Amino acid sequence: MNRFLALGCLGLGLMVSPLLSSPAGSAVPASPKIGMIDIEDTLSTTPAGKRANDAFEKTRKSKQAELDKRQEDLKKADADLDKQKTVLKPEAYAQKRSELEKKFVDLQQTYVKLERELASDRTKLIQGLLKQAEPLIAKIAKAEGVHLIIDRSATVWTDPSVDLTAKLKAEMK
């Protein structure tokens, strides 16, 4: 049995050895060049990013204003109900309190829904800007002879010489 195990290992070694060696026609360069881009900074400081962020902020503020108005209306209704507590029958007061609590729960659900919508809008905004930036990043990579570009948020430390953010910012309009 040991003889079969030894022959199997030898056969496996012979099959794997060409994969481990680096033939001259390999698709991977001998020493790949890596670049880094700070996507978040690029998207927030370029004209295209600023326009998109301004549109997002305008939408966010209008939705926030709507929520604030509804919240103020509920606070006002709560204060009015507290003033009427002494003149209302206990059943009527309990019914109005219950209706007010339902409106409050509805407001909370609306808030959660709007938060999800805003997160989705923000994701779409970033994806749209990244689609605009992708061909520019490819162009910069080819011009610089870079084989791989990573985002700054995915790194712990990078040499400033591999930072291509300024070049991308210059291309984004």
N, C-alpha and C. Protein backbone atom coordinates (compact mmCIF):
# COMPACT_ATOMS: atom_id res chain seq x y z
N MET A 1 0.82 -1.19 0.00
CA MET A 1 0.00 0.00 0.00
C MET A 1 0.86 1.25 0.00
N ASN A 2 2.00 1.22 0.71
CA ASN A 2 2.90 2.37 0.73
C ASN A 2 3.46 2.66 -0.65
N ARG A 3 3.66 1.60 -1.45
CA ARG A 3 4.18 1.79 -2.80
C ARG A 3 3.16 2.55 -3.66
N PHE A 4 1.87 2.24 -3.51
CA PHE A 4 0.83 2.94 -4.27
C PHE A 4 0.71 4.40 -3.82
N LEU A 5 0.86 4.64 -2.52
CA LEU A 5 0.82 6.00 -2.00
C LEU A 5 1.99 6.81 -2.54
N ALA A 6 3.17 6.21 -2.59
CA ALA A 6 4.36 6.90 -3.10
C ALA A 6 4.19 7.19 -4.58
N LEU A 7 3.67 6.24 -5.35
CA LEU A 7 3.45 6.48 -6.79
C LEU A 7 2.39 7.56 -7.01
N GLY A 8 1.36 7.56 -6.18
CA GLY A 8 0.31 8.58 -6.29
C GLY A 8 0.86 9.97 -6.01
N CYS A 9 1.66 10.09 -4.98
CA CYS A 9 2.27 11.39 -4.63
C CYS A 9 3.20 11.85 -5.74
N LEU A 10 3.98 10.94 -6.31
CA LEU A 10 4.88 11.28 -7.41
C LEU A 10 4.08 11.77 -8.61
N GLY A 11 3.01 11.05 -8.93
CA GLY A 11 2.16 11.45 -10.06
C GLY A 11 1.54 12.82 -9.83
N LEU A 12 1.04 13.06 -8.62
CA LEU A 12 0.44 14.35 -8.29
C LEU A 12 1.49 15.45 -8.40
N GLY A 13 2.68 15.16 -7.92
CA GLY A 13 3.76 16.15 -8.00
C GLY A 13 4.11 16.49 -9.43
N LEU A 14 4.14 15.48 -10.30
CA LEU A 14 4.44 15.72 -11.71
C LEU A 14 3.34 16.52 -12.40
N MET A 15 2.09 16.33 -11.96
CA MET A 15 0.98 17.08 -12.56
C MET A 15 0.95 18.52 -12.09
N VAL A 16 1.30 18.76 -10.84
CA VAL A 16 1.20 20.10 -10.25
C VAL A 16 2.42 20.95 -10.55
N SER A 17 3.58 20.34 -10.75
CA SER A 17 4.81 21.12 -10.92
C SER A 17 4.75 22.11 -12.09
N PRO A 18 4.15 21.79 -13.23
CA PRO A 18 4.07 22.81 -14.29
C PRO A 18 3.20 24.00 -13.87
N LEU A 19 2.23 23.77 -13.02
CA LEU A 19 1.37 24.86 -12.58
C LEU A 19 2.10 25.81 -11.63
N LEU A 20 3.03 25.27 -10.87
CA LEU A 20 3.75 26.08 -9.90
C LEU A 20 4.91 26.86 -10.51
N SER A 21 5.44 26.35 -11.60
CA SER A 21 6.55 27.08 -12.24
C SER A 21 5.97 28.23 -13.04
N SER A 22 6.81 29.20 -13.35
CA SER A 22 6.35 30.39 -14.04
C SER A 22 6.84 30.37 -15.47
N PRO A 23 6.04 29.86 -16.40
CA PRO A 23 6.46 29.82 -17.79
C PRO A 23 6.57 31.22 -18.38
N ALA A 24 7.32 31.37 -19.45
CA ALA A 24 7.56 32.68 -20.06
C ALA A 24 6.28 33.30 -20.57
N GLY A 25 5.30 32.51 -20.98
CA GLY A 25 4.07 33.05 -21.53
C GLY A 25 2.99 33.25 -20.48
N SER A 26 3.35 33.39 -19.22
CA SER A 26 2.37 33.53 -18.14
C SER A 26 1.57 34.82 -18.28
N ALA A 27 0.29 34.78 -17.92
CA ALA A 27 -0.58 35.95 -18.01
C ALA A 27 -0.31 36.94 -16.88
N VAL A 28 0.31 36.49 -15.80
CA VAL A 28 0.59 37.36 -14.66
C VAL A 28 1.99 37.94 -14.82
N PRO A 29 2.14 39.27 -14.76
CA PRO A 29 3.47 39.87 -14.90
C PRO A 29 4.38 39.45 -13.75
N ALA A 30 5.69 39.46 -14.02
CA ALA A 30 6.66 39.04 -13.01
C ALA A 30 6.58 39.92 -11.77
N SER A 31 6.44 41.22 -11.95
CA SER A 31 6.30 42.11 -10.80
C SER A 31 5.17 43.10 -11.10
N PRO A 32 3.95 42.72 -10.72
CA PRO A 32 2.80 43.59 -11.02
C PRO A 32 2.90 44.93 -10.31
N LYS A 33 2.45 45.97 -10.99
CA LYS A 33 2.46 47.33 -10.44
C LYS A 33 1.07 47.63 -9.89
N ILE A 34 1.03 48.13 -8.67
CA ILE A 34 -0.24 48.39 -7.99
C ILE A 34 -0.42 49.89 -7.78
N GLY A 35 -1.64 50.34 -7.97
CA GLY A 35 -2.00 51.74 -7.72
C GLY A 35 -3.13 51.81 -6.71
N MET A 36 -3.35 53.00 -6.16
CA MET A 36 -4.39 53.19 -5.16
C MET A 36 -5.16 54.46 -5.50
N ILE A 37 -6.47 54.40 -5.33
CA ILE A 37 -7.33 55.56 -5.53
C ILE A 37 -8.28 55.67 -4.35
N ASP A 38 -8.46 56.89 -3.86
CA ASP A 38 -9.41 57.15 -2.78
C ASP A 38 -10.74 57.52 -3.43
N ILE A 39 -11.58 56.52 -3.62
CA ILE A 39 -12.86 56.71 -4.32
C ILE A 39 -13.76 57.69 -3.57
N GLU A 40 -13.86 57.54 -2.26
CA GLU A 40 -14.75 58.41 -1.47
C GLU A 40 -14.35 59.87 -1.61
N ASP A 41 -13.05 60.14 -1.51
CA ASP A 41 -12.56 61.51 -1.65
C ASP A 41 -12.84 62.03 -3.06
N THR A 42 -12.61 61.19 -4.05
CA THR A 42 -12.84 61.59 -5.43
C THR A 42 -14.31 61.93 -5.66
N LEU A 43 -15.20 61.08 -5.14
CA LEU A 43 -16.63 61.30 -5.36
C LEU A 43 -17.15 62.52 -4.61
N SER A 44 -16.51 62.88 -3.52
CA SER A 44 -17.02 64.01 -2.75
C SER A 44 -16.39 65.34 -3.14
N THR A 45 -15.27 65.33 -3.87
CA THR A 45 -14.59 66.59 -4.17
C THR A 45 -14.58 66.97 -5.64
N THR A 46 -14.96 66.07 -6.52
CA THR A 46 -14.99 66.41 -7.94
C THR A 46 -16.31 67.10 -8.28
N PRO A 47 -16.35 67.87 -9.36
CA PRO A 47 -17.60 68.54 -9.74
C PRO A 47 -18.77 67.56 -9.91
N ALA A 48 -18.52 66.42 -10.54
CA ALA A 48 -19.60 65.43 -10.73
C ALA A 48 -20.09 64.91 -9.39
N GLY A 49 -19.17 64.64 -8.49
CA GLY A 49 -19.53 64.15 -7.16
C GLY A 49 -20.27 65.19 -6.36
N LYS A 50 -19.84 66.44 -6.46
CA LYS A 50 -20.51 67.52 -5.73
C LYS A 50 -21.93 67.71 -6.24
N ARG A 51 -22.13 67.65 -7.56
CA ARG A 51 -23.48 67.78 -8.11
C ARG A 51 -24.38 66.66 -7.61
N ALA A 52 -23.86 65.46 -7.63
CA ALA A 52 -24.65 64.31 -7.18
C ALA A 52 -24.95 64.41 -5.68
N ASN A 53 -23.96 64.80 -4.88
CA ASN A 53 -24.17 64.96 -3.43
C ASN A 53 -25.17 66.07 -3.14
N ASP A 54 -25.11 67.17 -3.90
CA ASP A 54 -26.06 68.27 -3.71
C ASP A 54 -27.49 67.81 -4.00
N ALA A 55 -27.66 67.05 -5.06
CA ALA A 55 -29.00 66.54 -5.39
C ALA A 55 -29.49 65.59 -4.30
N PHE A 56 -28.60 64.75 -3.80
CA PHE A 56 -28.96 63.83 -2.72
C PHE A 56 -29.35 64.60 -1.46
N GLU A 57 -28.57 65.60 -1.11
CA GLU A 57 -28.85 66.40 0.10
C GLU A 57 -30.18 67.13 -0.03
N LYS A 58 -30.48 67.62 -1.21
CA LYS A 58 -31.76 68.31 -1.43
C LYS A 58 -32.92 67.35 -1.18
N THR A 59 -32.81 66.13 -1.69
CA THR A 59 -33.85 65.12 -1.48
C THR A 59 -33.94 64.77 0.00
N ARG A 60 -32.79 64.58 0.64
CA ARG A 60 -32.76 64.21 2.06
C ARG A 60 -33.40 65.29 2.91
N LYS A 61 -33.09 66.55 2.62
CA LYS A 61 -33.63 67.65 3.41
C LYS A 61 -35.14 67.78 3.23
N SER A 62 -35.64 67.56 2.03
CA SER A 62 -37.09 67.67 1.82
C SER A 62 -37.82 66.56 2.56
N LYS A 63 -37.25 65.35 2.53
CA LYS A 63 -37.88 64.24 3.27
C LYS A 63 -37.78 64.48 4.77
N GLN A 64 -36.68 65.02 5.23
CA GLN A 64 -36.51 65.31 6.66
C GLN A 64 -37.50 66.39 7.09
N ALA A 65 -37.70 67.40 6.25
CA ALA A 65 -38.65 68.46 6.58
C ALA A 65 -40.07 67.90 6.71
N GLU A 66 -40.43 66.97 5.84
CA GLU A 66 -41.75 66.34 5.90
C GLU A 66 -41.90 65.57 7.21
N LEU A 67 -40.86 64.81 7.57
CA LEU A 67 -40.90 64.05 8.83
C LEU A 67 -40.98 65.00 10.03
N ASP A 68 -40.21 66.07 10.01
CA ASP A 68 -40.22 67.03 11.12
C ASP A 68 -41.60 67.66 11.29
N LYS A 69 -42.26 67.97 10.17
CA LYS A 69 -43.60 68.57 10.24
C LYS A 69 -44.59 67.58 10.86
N ARG A 70 -44.52 66.33 10.42
CA ARG A 70 -45.42 65.32 10.98
C ARG A 70 -45.15 65.10 12.47
N GLN A 71 -43.89 65.14 12.86
CA GLN A 71 -43.53 64.96 14.27
C GLN A 71 -44.05 66.13 15.10
N GLU A 72 -43.92 67.34 14.60
CA GLU A 72 -44.44 68.51 15.31
C GLU A 72 -45.96 68.44 15.45
N ASP A 73 -46.63 68.00 14.38
CA ASP A 73 -48.09 67.85 14.44
C ASP A 73 -48.49 66.84 15.52
N LEU A 74 -47.73 65.75 15.61
CA LEU A 74 -48.02 64.75 16.65
C LEU A 74 -47.78 65.31 18.04
N LYS A 75 -46.72 66.06 18.22
CA LYS A 75 -46.44 66.66 19.53
C LYS A 75 -47.55 67.63 19.92
N LYS A 76 -47.99 68.41 18.94
CA LYS A 76 -49.06 69.37 19.19
C LYS A 76 -50.36 68.64 19.56
N ALA A 77 -50.67 67.57 18.84
CA ALA A 77 -51.88 66.78 19.12
C ALA A 77 -51.77 66.14 20.50
N ASP A 78 -50.58 65.69 20.88
CA ASP A 78 -50.37 65.10 22.20
C ASP A 78 -50.59 66.15 23.30
N ALA A 79 -50.06 67.34 23.09
CA ALA A 79 -50.24 68.41 24.08
C ALA A 79 -51.72 68.80 24.19
N ASP A 80 -52.41 68.88 23.05
CA ASP A 80 -53.84 69.19 23.07
C ASP A 80 -54.64 68.11 23.80
N LEU A 81 -54.27 66.86 23.57
CA LEU A 81 -54.97 65.77 24.24
C LEU A 81 -54.74 65.81 25.75
N ASP A 82 -53.53 66.13 26.17
CA ASP A 82 -53.25 66.25 27.60
C ASP A 82 -54.08 67.36 28.24
N LYS A 83 -54.29 68.45 27.51
CA LYS A 83 -55.12 69.55 28.03
C LYS A 83 -56.58 69.13 28.15
N GLN A 84 -57.03 68.27 27.24
CA GLN A 84 -58.42 67.83 27.24
C GLN A 84 -58.68 66.66 28.18
N LYS A 85 -57.66 66.12 28.78
CA LYS A 85 -57.79 64.93 29.61
C LYS A 85 -58.82 65.12 30.72
N THR A 86 -58.83 66.28 31.33
CA THR A 86 -59.73 66.51 32.46
C THR A 86 -61.20 66.64 32.03
N VAL A 87 -61.45 67.07 30.81
CA VAL A 87 -62.84 67.26 30.36
C VAL A 87 -63.38 66.07 29.57
N LEU A 88 -62.51 65.19 29.11
CA LEU A 88 -62.96 64.03 28.33
C LEU A 88 -63.31 62.87 29.25
N LYS A 89 -64.25 62.06 28.79
CA LYS A 89 -64.56 60.83 29.51
C LYS A 89 -63.36 59.88 29.35
N PRO A 90 -63.13 59.03 30.33
CA PRO A 90 -61.98 58.11 30.26
C PRO A 90 -61.95 57.26 28.98
N GLU A 91 -63.12 56.81 28.51
CA GLU A 91 -63.16 56.00 27.29
C GLU A 91 -62.76 56.82 26.07
N ALA A 92 -63.27 58.06 25.99
CA ALA A 92 -62.95 58.93 24.86
C ALA A 92 -61.46 59.28 24.88
N TYR A 93 -60.94 59.56 26.08
CA TYR A 93 -59.52 59.88 26.21
C TYR A 93 -58.66 58.68 25.79
N ALA A 94 -59.04 57.49 26.23
CA ALA A 94 -58.29 56.28 25.89
C ALA A 94 -58.32 56.03 24.38
N GLN A 95 -59.47 56.28 23.75
CA GLN A 95 -59.58 56.09 22.31
C GLN A 95 -58.69 57.08 21.57
N LYS A 96 -58.73 58.34 21.98
CA LYS A 96 -57.90 59.35 21.31
C LYS A 96 -56.41 59.09 21.55
N ARG A 97 -56.07 58.62 22.74
CA ARG A 97 -54.67 58.29 23.05
C ARG A 97 -54.21 57.14 22.16
N SER A 98 -55.10 56.14 21.98
CA SER A 98 -54.78 55.00 21.13
C SER A 98 -54.57 55.44 19.68
N GLU A 99 -55.43 56.33 19.19
CA GLU A 99 -55.28 56.84 17.83
C GLU A 99 -53.96 57.60 17.67
N LEU A 100 -53.62 58.37 18.68
CA LEU A 100 -52.38 59.14 18.65
C LEU A 100 -51.17 58.19 18.65
N GLU A 101 -51.25 57.15 19.44
CA GLU A 101 -50.15 56.17 19.48
C GLU A 101 -50.00 55.45 18.15
N LYS A 102 -51.12 55.15 17.48
CA LYS A 102 -51.06 54.53 16.15
C LYS A 102 -50.39 55.48 15.16
N LYS A 103 -50.72 56.76 15.24
CA LYS A 103 -50.08 57.74 14.35
C LYS A 103 -48.57 57.82 14.63
N PHE A 104 -48.20 57.71 15.90
CA PHE A 104 -46.79 57.73 16.25
C PHE A 104 -46.06 56.51 15.67
N VAL A 105 -46.69 55.34 15.77
CA VAL A 105 -46.10 54.12 15.20
C VAL A 105 -45.98 54.26 13.68
N ASP A 106 -47.01 54.82 13.05
CA ASP A 106 -46.96 55.05 11.60
C ASP A 106 -45.80 55.98 11.23
N LEU A 107 -45.61 57.01 12.05
CA LEU A 107 -44.51 57.95 11.80
C LEU A 107 -43.16 57.24 11.93
N GLN A 108 -43.02 56.38 12.92
CA GLN A 108 -41.78 55.63 13.08
C GLN A 108 -41.54 54.71 11.87
N GLN A 109 -42.59 54.08 11.39
CA GLN A 109 -42.46 53.21 10.22
C GLN A 109 -42.09 54.02 8.98
N THR A 110 -42.68 55.19 8.86
CA THR A 110 -42.34 56.08 7.74
C THR A 110 -40.88 56.50 7.82
N TYR A 111 -40.42 56.78 9.03
CA TYR A 111 -39.02 57.16 9.23
C TYR A 111 -38.09 56.04 8.78
N VAL A 112 -38.37 54.81 9.19
CA VAL A 112 -37.54 53.66 8.81
C VAL A 112 -37.57 53.48 7.29
N LYS A 113 -38.75 53.63 6.70
CA LYS A 113 -38.89 53.48 5.25
C LYS A 113 -38.07 54.54 4.52
N LEU A 114 -38.15 55.78 4.98
CA LEU A 114 -37.39 56.85 4.34
C LEU A 114 -35.88 56.65 4.51
N GLU A 115 -35.46 56.14 5.65
CA GLU A 115 -34.04 55.85 5.86
C GLU A 115 -33.56 54.81 4.85
N ARG A 116 -34.36 53.78 4.62
CA ARG A 116 -34.01 52.76 3.63
C ARG A 116 -33.95 53.36 2.23
N GLU A 117 -34.93 54.21 1.91
CA GLU A 117 -34.96 54.85 0.60
C GLU A 117 -33.72 55.72 0.41
N LEU A 118 -33.36 56.47 1.44
CA LEU A 118 -32.18 57.33 1.34
C LEU A 118 -30.91 56.50 1.18
N ALA A 119 -30.82 55.41 1.89
CA ALA A 119 -29.64 54.53 1.75
C ALA A 119 -29.58 53.96 0.33
N SER A 120 -30.73 53.59 -0.21
CA SER A 120 -30.78 53.08 -1.57
C SER A 120 -30.41 54.17 -2.57
N ASP A 121 -30.92 55.38 -2.36
CA ASP A 121 -30.59 56.50 -3.24
C ASP A 121 -29.09 56.79 -3.21
N ARG A 122 -28.51 56.73 -2.03
CA ARG A 122 -27.06 56.99 -1.87
C ARG A 122 -26.25 55.92 -2.59
N THR A 123 -26.68 54.67 -2.48
CA THR A 123 -26.00 53.58 -3.18
C THR A 123 -26.07 53.77 -4.69
N LYS A 124 -27.25 54.14 -5.19
CA LYS A 124 -27.41 54.37 -6.63
C LYS A 124 -26.54 55.53 -7.09
N LEU A 125 -26.46 56.57 -6.28
CA LEU A 125 -25.62 57.73 -6.60
C LEU A 125 -24.16 57.30 -6.74
N ILE A 126 -23.67 56.54 -5.79
CA ILE A 126 -22.27 56.09 -5.80
C ILE A 126 -22.03 55.17 -6.98
N GLN A 127 -22.98 54.27 -7.25
CA GLN A 127 -22.81 53.36 -8.39
C GLN A 127 -22.77 54.13 -9.70
N GLY A 128 -23.61 55.15 -9.84
CA GLY A 128 -23.59 55.97 -11.06
C GLY A 128 -22.27 56.69 -11.24
N LEU A 129 -21.74 57.23 -10.16
CA LEU A 129 -20.45 57.92 -10.25
C LEU A 129 -19.31 56.93 -10.54
N LEU A 130 -19.40 55.74 -9.97
CA LEU A 130 -18.37 54.74 -10.24
C LEU A 130 -18.40 54.29 -11.70
N LYS A 131 -19.60 54.20 -12.28
CA LYS A 131 -19.70 53.86 -13.70
C LYS A 131 -19.02 54.93 -14.55
N GLN A 132 -19.19 56.18 -14.13
CA GLN A 132 -18.55 57.29 -14.84
C GLN A 132 -17.04 57.23 -14.64
N ALA A 133 -16.59 56.82 -13.48
CA ALA A 133 -15.16 56.81 -13.16
C ALA A 133 -14.43 55.59 -13.73
N GLU A 134 -15.11 54.47 -13.92
CA GLU A 134 -14.44 53.24 -14.36
C GLU A 134 -13.59 53.40 -15.62
N PRO A 135 -14.14 53.99 -16.70
CA PRO A 135 -13.29 54.12 -17.89
C PRO A 135 -12.11 55.07 -17.64
N LEU A 136 -12.31 56.05 -16.80
CA LEU A 136 -11.22 56.98 -16.48
C LEU A 136 -10.13 56.27 -15.68
N ILE A 137 -10.55 55.41 -14.75
CA ILE A 137 -9.59 54.65 -13.96
C ILE A 137 -8.80 53.70 -14.88
N ALA A 138 -9.48 53.06 -15.82
CA ALA A 138 -8.81 52.17 -16.76
C ALA A 138 -7.80 52.94 -17.61
N LYS A 139 -8.18 54.12 -18.04
CA LYS A 139 -7.29 54.97 -18.84
C LYS A 139 -6.03 55.35 -18.04
N ILE A 140 -6.24 55.73 -16.79
CA ILE A 140 -5.12 56.10 -15.92
C ILE A 140 -4.22 54.89 -15.69
N ALA A 141 -4.82 53.73 -15.45
CA ALA A 141 -4.04 52.51 -15.20
C ALA A 141 -3.17 52.18 -16.40
N LYS A 142 -3.73 52.27 -17.58
CA LYS A 142 -2.95 51.98 -18.79
C LYS A 142 -1.83 52.99 -18.97
N ALA A 143 -2.14 54.27 -18.74
CA ALA A 143 -1.12 55.31 -18.90
C ALA A 143 0.02 55.16 -17.90
N GLU A 144 -0.30 54.69 -16.71
CA GLU A 144 0.71 54.54 -15.65
C GLU A 144 1.36 53.16 -15.64
N GLY A 145 0.84 52.25 -16.46
CA GLY A 145 1.38 50.89 -16.48
C GLY A 145 1.02 50.10 -15.23
N VAL A 146 -0.13 50.41 -14.66
CA VAL A 146 -0.58 49.78 -13.43
C VAL A 146 -1.40 48.54 -13.78
N HIS A 147 -1.16 47.44 -13.06
CA HIS A 147 -1.88 46.20 -13.29
C HIS A 147 -3.07 46.03 -12.37
N LEU A 148 -3.06 46.70 -11.23
CA LEU A 148 -4.12 46.55 -10.23
C LEU A 148 -4.30 47.88 -9.52
N ILE A 149 -5.55 48.32 -9.37
CA ILE A 149 -5.86 49.53 -8.60
C ILE A 149 -6.81 49.13 -7.49
N ILE A 150 -6.47 49.52 -6.26
CA ILE A 150 -7.32 49.22 -5.11
C ILE A 150 -7.82 50.52 -4.51
N ASP A 151 -8.93 50.42 -3.78
CA ASP A 151 -9.51 51.58 -3.11
C ASP A 151 -8.78 51.85 -1.80
N ARG A 152 -8.63 53.08 -1.45
CA ARG A 152 -7.94 53.48 -0.23
C ARG A 152 -8.59 52.85 1.01
N SER A 153 -9.91 52.71 1.01
CA SER A 153 -10.60 52.15 2.17
C SER A 153 -10.25 50.69 2.41
N ALA A 154 -9.69 50.02 1.39
CA ALA A 154 -9.34 48.60 1.51
C ALA A 154 -7.88 48.41 1.93
N THR A 155 -7.19 49.50 2.25
CA THR A 155 -5.77 49.40 2.59
C THR A 155 -5.51 49.92 4.00
N VAL A 156 -4.45 49.43 4.58
CA VAL A 156 -4.02 49.92 5.89
C VAL A 156 -3.00 51.04 5.70
N TRP A 157 -2.09 50.83 4.76
CA TRP A 157 -1.07 51.82 4.46
C TRP A 157 -0.65 51.67 3.00
N THR A 158 -0.38 52.79 2.36
CA THR A 158 0.17 52.76 1.00
C THR A 158 1.23 53.82 0.87
N ASP A 159 2.18 53.55 0.02
CA ASP A 159 3.21 54.54 -0.30
C ASP A 159 2.53 55.65 -1.12
N PRO A 160 2.74 56.89 -0.77
CA PRO A 160 2.09 57.98 -1.51
C PRO A 160 2.40 57.98 -3.01
N SER A 161 3.48 57.34 -3.40
CA SER A 161 3.83 57.32 -4.82
C SER A 161 2.87 56.48 -5.65
N VAL A 162 2.09 55.59 -5.04
CA VAL A 162 1.15 54.76 -5.79
C VAL A 162 -0.27 55.35 -5.79
N ASP A 163 -0.43 56.51 -5.14
CA ASP A 163 -1.74 57.16 -5.06
C ASP A 163 -2.06 57.87 -6.38
N LEU A 164 -3.10 57.42 -7.05
CA LEU A 164 -3.51 57.98 -8.34
C LEU A 164 -4.77 58.83 -8.22
N THR A 165 -5.15 59.17 -6.99
CA THR A 165 -6.39 59.92 -6.75
C THR A 165 -6.38 61.27 -7.47
N ALA A 166 -5.28 62.00 -7.40
CA ALA A 166 -5.21 63.33 -8.03
C ALA A 166 -5.44 63.23 -9.53
N LYS A 167 -4.91 62.19 -10.15
CA LYS A 167 -5.09 62.03 -11.59
C LYS A 167 -6.54 61.73 -11.94
N LEU A 168 -7.21 60.94 -11.10
CA LEU A 168 -8.63 60.65 -11.35
C LEU A 168 -9.45 61.92 -11.15
N LYS A 169 -9.14 62.68 -10.11
CA LYS A 169 -9.88 63.92 -9.86
C LYS A 169 -9.75 64.88 -11.04
N ALA A 170 -8.58 64.93 -11.63
CA ALA A 170 -8.36 65.82 -12.78
C ALA A 170 -9.20 65.38 -13.99
N GLU A 171 -9.45 64.08 -14.09
CA GLU A 171 -10.23 63.56 -15.22
C GLU A 171 -11.73 63.67 -15.02
N MET A 172 -12.19 63.61 -13.76
CA MET A 172 -13.63 63.63 -13.48
C MET A 172 -14.16 65.06 -13.60
N LYS A 173 -15.27 65.19 -14.32
CA LYS A 173 -15.87 66.53 -14.48
C LYS A 173 -17.33 66.48 -14.17
